[in-house]
Amino acid sequence: MALLKTLSLRSIISTSHRAFINSIRLTSSNPESDDAPVEMDNPYKKERRQCILCKLNITPDYKNYRLLSQFQSPYTGRIYGRHITGLCKAKQALVETEITKAQNCAYMPYYYKDKAFFKDPKLFDPENPIRYHRF
């Protein structure tokens, strides 16, 4: 009698187990299930960094020497590098060529910044570079 009870219990468990597995298969194959994964953007993805000239859609021109003077050291006349200005490669190259063009056309001085431009708003902080460098 006990053997008969265990056999019937095993058959009940195995049939209920099969029914449970079949119900899982049916719900997983249903694409409109409430438990289906939702398509979404990666929430941990960092924002793509954009240079200030690309963000504001500004093209540097050699006649706009007030803008170009922001990318030149006020004391030595040295053009700041990309690690300080935060510009993309294309805009940095364009700024450098426009600065040399403005200097050759006598719009900008070679060695020092005009004193009238010292109170202009800062586009970046030369003392605190965006990316560290080796020197």
N, C-alpha and C. Protein backbone atom coordinates (compact mmCIF):
# COMPACT_ATOMS: atom_id res chain seq x y z
N MET A 1 0.80 -1.18 0.00
CA MET A 1 0.00 0.00 0.00
C MET A 1 0.86 1.26 0.00
N ALA A 2 1.91 1.26 0.82
CA ALA A 2 2.80 2.41 0.87
C ALA A 2 3.52 2.58 -0.45
N LEU A 3 3.87 1.45 -1.12
CA LEU A 3 4.52 1.49 -2.42
C LEU A 3 3.59 2.10 -3.46
N LEU A 4 2.32 1.79 -3.38
CA LEU A 4 1.33 2.31 -4.31
C LEU A 4 1.16 3.82 -4.13
N LYS A 5 1.19 4.28 -2.87
CA LYS A 5 1.06 5.72 -2.59
C LYS A 5 2.27 6.49 -3.15
N THR A 6 3.48 5.96 -2.96
CA THR A 6 4.67 6.65 -3.45
C THR A 6 4.69 6.69 -4.97
N LEU A 7 4.22 5.60 -5.63
CA LEU A 7 4.19 5.61 -7.10
C LEU A 7 3.20 6.63 -7.62
N SER A 8 2.01 6.69 -6.98
CA SER A 8 1.02 7.66 -7.44
C SER A 8 1.49 9.09 -7.13
N LEU A 9 2.18 9.28 -6.01
CA LEU A 9 2.71 10.58 -5.65
C LEU A 9 3.78 11.02 -6.66
N ARG A 10 4.66 10.07 -7.06
CA ARG A 10 5.69 10.38 -8.06
C ARG A 10 5.06 10.76 -9.40
N SER A 11 4.00 10.06 -9.79
CA SER A 11 3.35 10.37 -11.07
C SER A 11 2.69 11.74 -11.01
N ILE A 12 2.14 12.09 -9.85
CA ILE A 12 1.51 13.41 -9.69
C ILE A 12 2.58 14.49 -9.77
N ILE A 13 3.72 14.27 -9.08
CA ILE A 13 4.80 15.25 -9.08
C ILE A 13 5.37 15.39 -10.48
N SER A 14 5.57 14.28 -11.16
CA SER A 14 6.16 14.37 -12.49
C SER A 14 5.21 15.04 -13.47
N THR A 15 3.91 14.78 -13.36
CA THR A 15 2.97 15.45 -14.26
C THR A 15 2.85 16.93 -13.92
N SER A 16 2.85 17.26 -12.64
CA SER A 16 2.77 18.68 -12.27
C SER A 16 4.07 19.40 -12.66
N HIS A 17 5.19 18.68 -12.53
CA HIS A 17 6.47 19.26 -12.94
C HIS A 17 6.48 19.54 -14.43
N ARG A 18 5.97 18.59 -15.23
CA ARG A 18 5.91 18.78 -16.68
C ARG A 18 4.98 19.94 -17.05
N ALA A 19 3.87 20.02 -16.35
CA ALA A 19 2.93 21.11 -16.62
C ALA A 19 3.56 22.46 -16.29
N PHE A 20 4.33 22.50 -15.19
CA PHE A 20 4.99 23.74 -14.79
C PHE A 20 6.03 24.16 -15.83
N ILE A 21 6.82 23.20 -16.30
CA ILE A 21 7.84 23.49 -17.32
C ILE A 21 7.18 23.93 -18.62
N ASN A 22 6.09 23.29 -19.01
CA ASN A 22 5.38 23.69 -20.21
C ASN A 22 4.82 25.11 -20.09
N SER A 23 4.34 25.46 -18.90
CA SER A 23 3.82 26.82 -18.72
C SER A 23 4.94 27.85 -18.82
N ILE A 24 6.14 27.50 -18.33
CA ILE A 24 7.29 28.40 -18.46
C ILE A 24 7.66 28.57 -19.92
N ARG A 25 7.68 27.49 -20.66
CA ARG A 25 8.02 27.57 -22.08
C ARG A 25 7.01 28.42 -22.83
N LEU A 26 5.73 28.29 -22.50
CA LEU A 26 4.71 29.07 -23.19
C LEU A 26 4.84 30.55 -22.88
N THR A 27 5.11 30.90 -21.63
CA THR A 27 5.23 32.32 -21.29
C THR A 27 6.51 32.91 -21.83
N SER A 28 7.59 32.12 -21.91
CA SER A 28 8.84 32.68 -22.43
C SER A 28 8.77 32.85 -23.93
N SER A 29 7.95 32.07 -24.62
CA SER A 29 7.84 32.24 -26.07
C SER A 29 6.86 33.35 -26.43
N ASN A 30 6.07 33.81 -25.48
CA ASN A 30 5.11 34.88 -25.74
C ASN A 30 5.84 36.22 -25.67
N PRO A 31 5.96 36.96 -26.78
CA PRO A 31 6.72 38.21 -26.74
C PRO A 31 6.00 39.34 -26.03
N GLU A 32 4.70 39.24 -25.86
CA GLU A 32 3.95 40.33 -25.23
C GLU A 32 3.74 40.08 -23.74
N SER A 33 4.56 39.26 -23.16
CA SER A 33 4.44 38.97 -21.75
C SER A 33 4.81 40.21 -20.93
N ASP A 34 4.24 40.33 -19.75
CA ASP A 34 4.56 41.45 -18.88
C ASP A 34 5.98 41.38 -18.35
N ASP A 35 6.53 40.18 -18.36
CA ASP A 35 7.85 39.97 -17.81
C ASP A 35 8.94 40.02 -18.89
N ALA A 36 8.59 40.44 -20.08
CA ALA A 36 9.55 40.48 -21.19
C ALA A 36 10.52 41.64 -20.99
N PRO A 37 11.76 41.51 -21.47
CA PRO A 37 12.72 42.62 -21.34
C PRO A 37 12.28 43.83 -22.18
N VAL A 38 12.57 45.00 -21.67
CA VAL A 38 12.19 46.25 -22.31
C VAL A 38 13.41 46.83 -23.01
N GLU A 39 13.25 47.29 -24.24
CA GLU A 39 14.35 47.93 -24.96
C GLU A 39 14.54 49.34 -24.41
N MET A 40 15.79 49.65 -24.03
CA MET A 40 16.11 50.98 -23.52
C MET A 40 17.58 51.26 -23.72
N ASP A 41 17.94 52.53 -23.66
CA ASP A 41 19.34 52.91 -23.78
C ASP A 41 20.10 52.49 -22.54
N ASN A 42 21.41 52.41 -22.67
CA ASN A 42 22.26 52.03 -21.55
C ASN A 42 22.28 53.17 -20.53
N PRO A 43 21.77 52.96 -19.32
CA PRO A 43 21.75 54.05 -18.34
C PRO A 43 23.13 54.38 -17.77
N TYR A 44 24.09 53.50 -17.96
CA TYR A 44 25.43 53.72 -17.41
C TYR A 44 26.38 54.32 -18.44
N LYS A 45 25.91 54.54 -19.65
CA LYS A 45 26.77 55.07 -20.71
C LYS A 45 27.08 56.54 -20.40
N LYS A 46 28.37 56.88 -20.50
CA LYS A 46 28.78 58.25 -20.24
C LYS A 46 28.38 59.14 -21.40
N GLU A 47 28.12 60.40 -21.08
CA GLU A 47 27.80 61.35 -22.15
C GLU A 47 29.04 61.60 -22.97
N ARG A 48 28.84 61.70 -24.27
CA ARG A 48 29.97 61.94 -25.16
C ARG A 48 30.43 63.38 -24.98
N ARG A 49 31.69 63.54 -24.68
CA ARG A 49 32.23 64.87 -24.45
C ARG A 49 32.41 65.59 -25.78
N GLN A 50 31.96 66.83 -25.84
CA GLN A 50 32.05 67.60 -27.07
C GLN A 50 32.80 68.88 -26.77
N CYS A 51 33.62 69.32 -27.72
CA CYS A 51 34.37 70.55 -27.49
C CYS A 51 33.41 71.74 -27.55
N ILE A 52 33.82 72.84 -26.96
CA ILE A 52 32.93 74.00 -26.82
C ILE A 52 32.62 74.61 -28.18
N LEU A 53 33.55 74.58 -29.12
CA LEU A 53 33.29 75.15 -30.44
C LEU A 53 32.32 74.29 -31.24
N CYS A 54 32.42 72.96 -31.11
CA CYS A 54 31.47 72.08 -31.80
C CYS A 54 30.09 72.18 -31.17
N LYS A 55 30.04 72.30 -29.84
CA LYS A 55 28.77 72.37 -29.13
C LYS A 55 27.99 73.63 -29.53
N LEU A 56 28.69 74.75 -29.66
CA LEU A 56 28.04 76.01 -30.01
C LEU A 56 28.06 76.28 -31.51
N ASN A 57 28.62 75.34 -32.28
CA ASN A 57 28.69 75.44 -33.75
C ASN A 57 29.40 76.72 -34.19
N ILE A 58 30.59 76.94 -33.63
CA ILE A 58 31.40 78.12 -33.94
C ILE A 58 32.58 77.70 -34.81
N THR A 59 32.77 78.41 -35.90
CA THR A 59 33.94 78.19 -36.74
C THR A 59 34.90 79.35 -36.50
N PRO A 60 36.11 79.08 -36.01
CA PRO A 60 37.04 80.17 -35.75
C PRO A 60 37.49 80.85 -37.04
N ASP A 61 37.61 82.16 -36.98
CA ASP A 61 38.04 82.95 -38.13
C ASP A 61 39.18 83.86 -37.70
N TYR A 62 40.10 84.12 -38.59
CA TYR A 62 41.27 84.92 -38.21
C TYR A 62 40.90 86.36 -37.90
N LYS A 63 39.75 86.84 -38.37
CA LYS A 63 39.31 88.21 -38.08
C LYS A 63 38.66 88.33 -36.71
N ASN A 64 38.26 87.21 -36.13
CA ASN A 64 37.67 87.21 -34.79
C ASN A 64 38.80 86.98 -33.77
N TYR A 65 39.63 87.98 -33.62
CA TYR A 65 40.82 87.82 -32.78
C TYR A 65 40.47 87.81 -31.30
N ARG A 66 39.30 88.30 -30.94
CA ARG A 66 38.91 88.26 -29.52
C ARG A 66 38.65 86.82 -29.08
N LEU A 67 38.02 86.03 -29.93
CA LEU A 67 37.82 84.61 -29.63
C LEU A 67 39.15 83.87 -29.65
N LEU A 68 39.97 84.15 -30.63
CA LEU A 68 41.25 83.45 -30.76
C LEU A 68 42.20 83.76 -29.60
N SER A 69 42.06 84.95 -29.02
CA SER A 69 42.95 85.31 -27.92
C SER A 69 42.67 84.47 -26.67
N GLN A 70 41.49 83.83 -26.59
CA GLN A 70 41.18 82.95 -25.47
C GLN A 70 42.05 81.70 -25.47
N PHE A 71 42.54 81.32 -26.64
CA PHE A 71 43.34 80.09 -26.78
C PHE A 71 44.83 80.37 -26.78
N GLN A 72 45.22 81.57 -26.39
CA GLN A 72 46.62 81.98 -26.36
C GLN A 72 46.96 82.46 -24.95
N SER A 73 48.16 82.13 -24.49
CA SER A 73 48.59 82.54 -23.16
C SER A 73 48.75 84.06 -23.12
N PRO A 74 48.24 84.72 -22.06
CA PRO A 74 48.34 86.18 -22.01
C PRO A 74 49.75 86.69 -21.74
N TYR A 75 50.63 85.83 -21.23
CA TYR A 75 51.97 86.29 -20.85
C TYR A 75 53.04 85.90 -21.85
N THR A 76 52.92 84.73 -22.45
CA THR A 76 53.97 84.27 -23.35
C THR A 76 53.53 84.23 -24.80
N GLY A 77 52.24 84.26 -25.06
CA GLY A 77 51.75 84.18 -26.43
C GLY A 77 51.68 82.76 -26.95
N ARG A 78 51.98 81.79 -26.10
CA ARG A 78 51.95 80.38 -26.50
C ARG A 78 50.51 79.93 -26.71
N ILE A 79 50.26 79.14 -27.74
CA ILE A 79 48.93 78.61 -28.00
C ILE A 79 48.73 77.41 -27.08
N TYR A 80 47.62 77.40 -26.35
CA TYR A 80 47.34 76.30 -25.43
C TYR A 80 47.07 75.02 -26.21
N GLY A 81 47.47 73.89 -25.61
CA GLY A 81 47.28 72.59 -26.24
C GLY A 81 45.87 72.05 -26.02
N ARG A 82 45.60 70.92 -26.67
CA ARG A 82 44.28 70.29 -26.57
C ARG A 82 43.95 69.82 -25.16
N HIS A 83 44.96 69.40 -24.42
CA HIS A 83 44.71 68.91 -23.07
C HIS A 83 44.26 70.04 -22.14
N ILE A 84 44.52 71.28 -22.50
CA ILE A 84 44.09 72.42 -21.70
C ILE A 84 42.77 72.98 -22.22
N THR A 85 42.66 73.16 -23.54
CA THR A 85 41.47 73.79 -24.11
C THR A 85 40.27 72.86 -24.17
N GLY A 86 40.52 71.56 -24.32
CA GLY A 86 39.42 70.61 -24.43
C GLY A 86 38.78 70.58 -25.80
N LEU A 87 39.46 71.12 -26.80
CA LEU A 87 38.92 71.12 -28.16
C LEU A 87 39.16 69.77 -28.83
N CYS A 88 38.35 69.48 -29.85
CA CYS A 88 38.59 68.28 -30.63
C CYS A 88 39.77 68.54 -31.55
N LYS A 89 40.28 67.48 -32.16
CA LYS A 89 41.50 67.58 -32.96
C LYS A 89 41.33 68.54 -34.14
N ALA A 90 40.20 68.46 -34.81
CA ALA A 90 39.97 69.29 -36.00
C ALA A 90 39.87 70.77 -35.63
N LYS A 91 39.12 71.09 -34.57
CA LYS A 91 38.96 72.50 -34.16
C LYS A 91 40.26 73.06 -33.58
N GLN A 92 41.04 72.21 -32.89
CA GLN A 92 42.32 72.68 -32.36
C GLN A 92 43.26 73.05 -33.50
N ALA A 93 43.31 72.22 -34.54
CA ALA A 93 44.17 72.53 -35.69
C ALA A 93 43.68 73.79 -36.39
N LEU A 94 42.37 73.95 -36.50
CA LEU A 94 41.81 75.14 -37.14
C LEU A 94 42.12 76.39 -36.33
N VAL A 95 42.01 76.30 -35.01
CA VAL A 95 42.32 77.45 -34.14
C VAL A 95 43.79 77.83 -34.28
N GLU A 96 44.67 76.85 -34.31
CA GLU A 96 46.10 77.15 -34.44
C GLU A 96 46.42 77.83 -35.76
N THR A 97 45.84 77.36 -36.85
CA THR A 97 46.11 78.00 -38.15
C THR A 97 45.50 79.40 -38.21
N GLU A 98 44.33 79.58 -37.61
CA GLU A 98 43.70 80.90 -37.61
C GLU A 98 44.47 81.88 -36.73
N ILE A 99 45.05 81.41 -35.63
CA ILE A 99 45.86 82.29 -34.78
C ILE A 99 47.10 82.75 -35.53
N THR A 100 47.77 81.81 -36.18
CA THR A 100 48.98 82.22 -36.94
C THR A 100 48.60 83.13 -38.10
N LYS A 101 47.46 82.89 -38.72
CA LYS A 101 47.01 83.77 -39.81
C LYS A 101 46.70 85.16 -39.28
N ALA A 102 46.04 85.24 -38.10
CA ALA A 102 45.71 86.53 -37.50
C ALA A 102 46.97 87.27 -37.07
N GLN A 103 47.97 86.53 -36.60
CA GLN A 103 49.24 87.17 -36.22
C GLN A 103 49.98 87.68 -37.44
N ASN A 104 49.96 86.93 -38.53
CA ASN A 104 50.63 87.36 -39.75
C ASN A 104 49.93 88.54 -40.40
N CYS A 105 48.62 88.65 -40.23
CA CYS A 105 47.85 89.78 -40.78
C CYS A 105 47.82 90.97 -39.80
N ALA A 106 48.49 90.87 -38.69
CA ALA A 106 48.62 91.92 -37.67
C ALA A 106 47.31 92.22 -36.96
N TYR A 107 46.42 91.23 -36.84
CA TYR A 107 45.22 91.39 -36.02
C TYR A 107 45.54 91.09 -34.56
N MET A 108 46.47 90.16 -34.34
CA MET A 108 46.83 89.75 -32.99
C MET A 108 48.32 89.94 -32.77
N PRO A 109 48.71 90.27 -31.52
CA PRO A 109 50.15 90.31 -31.23
C PRO A 109 50.72 88.90 -31.07
N TYR A 110 52.02 88.77 -31.24
CA TYR A 110 52.66 87.46 -31.14
C TYR A 110 52.89 87.03 -29.69
N TYR A 111 53.26 87.98 -28.83
CA TYR A 111 53.76 87.59 -27.52
C TYR A 111 52.85 87.87 -26.34
N TYR A 112 51.96 88.79 -26.42
CA TYR A 112 51.13 89.08 -25.25
C TYR A 112 49.68 89.32 -25.68
N LYS A 113 48.80 89.18 -24.73
CA LYS A 113 47.37 89.36 -24.98
C LYS A 113 47.00 90.83 -24.73
N ASP A 114 46.08 91.33 -25.50
CA ASP A 114 45.63 92.71 -25.33
C ASP A 114 44.98 92.85 -23.94
N LYS A 115 45.28 93.93 -23.24
CA LYS A 115 44.78 94.10 -21.87
C LYS A 115 43.27 94.24 -21.82
N ALA A 116 42.66 94.66 -22.92
CA ALA A 116 41.20 94.81 -22.94
C ALA A 116 40.50 93.45 -22.87
N PHE A 117 41.20 92.37 -23.23
CA PHE A 117 40.59 91.05 -23.28
C PHE A 117 40.79 90.26 -21.99
N PHE A 118 41.45 90.83 -20.99
CA PHE A 118 41.70 90.10 -19.75
C PHE A 118 40.42 89.80 -18.97
N LYS A 119 39.39 90.62 -19.15
CA LYS A 119 38.15 90.42 -18.39
C LYS A 119 37.11 89.63 -19.17
N ASP A 120 37.48 89.04 -20.29
CA ASP A 120 36.57 88.19 -21.06
C ASP A 120 36.22 86.94 -20.26
N PRO A 121 35.04 86.38 -20.48
CA PRO A 121 34.70 85.14 -19.76
C PRO A 121 35.64 84.01 -20.18
N LYS A 122 35.97 83.17 -19.22
CA LYS A 122 36.91 82.09 -19.46
C LYS A 122 36.21 80.91 -20.12
N LEU A 123 36.77 80.41 -21.20
CA LEU A 123 36.25 79.21 -21.86
C LEU A 123 36.78 77.96 -21.18
N PHE A 124 37.92 78.07 -20.54
CA PHE A 124 38.56 76.95 -19.84
C PHE A 124 39.54 77.54 -18.85
N ASP A 125 40.03 76.70 -17.94
CA ASP A 125 40.99 77.15 -16.93
C ASP A 125 42.37 76.61 -17.29
N PRO A 126 43.30 77.46 -17.70
CA PRO A 126 44.63 76.96 -18.06
C PRO A 126 45.41 76.37 -16.89
N GLU A 127 45.08 76.77 -15.67
CA GLU A 127 45.77 76.24 -14.50
C GLU A 127 45.29 74.85 -14.13
N ASN A 128 44.09 74.49 -14.58
CA ASN A 128 43.50 73.18 -14.28
C ASN A 128 43.14 72.50 -15.59
N PRO A 129 44.09 71.79 -16.21
CA PRO A 129 43.82 71.19 -17.52
C PRO A 129 42.76 70.11 -17.45
N ILE A 130 42.08 69.91 -18.57
CA ILE A 130 41.04 68.89 -18.65
C ILE A 130 41.66 67.51 -18.56
N ARG A 131 42.72 67.27 -19.34
CA ARG A 131 43.46 66.02 -19.30
C ARG A 131 44.85 66.31 -18.81
N TYR A 132 45.35 65.43 -17.98
CA TYR A 132 46.71 65.62 -17.49
C TYR A 132 47.71 65.27 -18.58
N HIS A 133 48.87 65.85 -18.49
CA HIS A 133 49.91 65.62 -19.48
C HIS A 133 51.18 65.18 -18.79
N ARG A 134 52.18 64.82 -19.56
CA ARG A 134 53.38 64.22 -18.99
C ARG A 134 54.38 65.22 -18.42
N PHE A 135 54.20 66.51 -18.65
CA PHE A 135 55.16 67.50 -18.14
C PHE A 135 54.48 68.50 -17.25
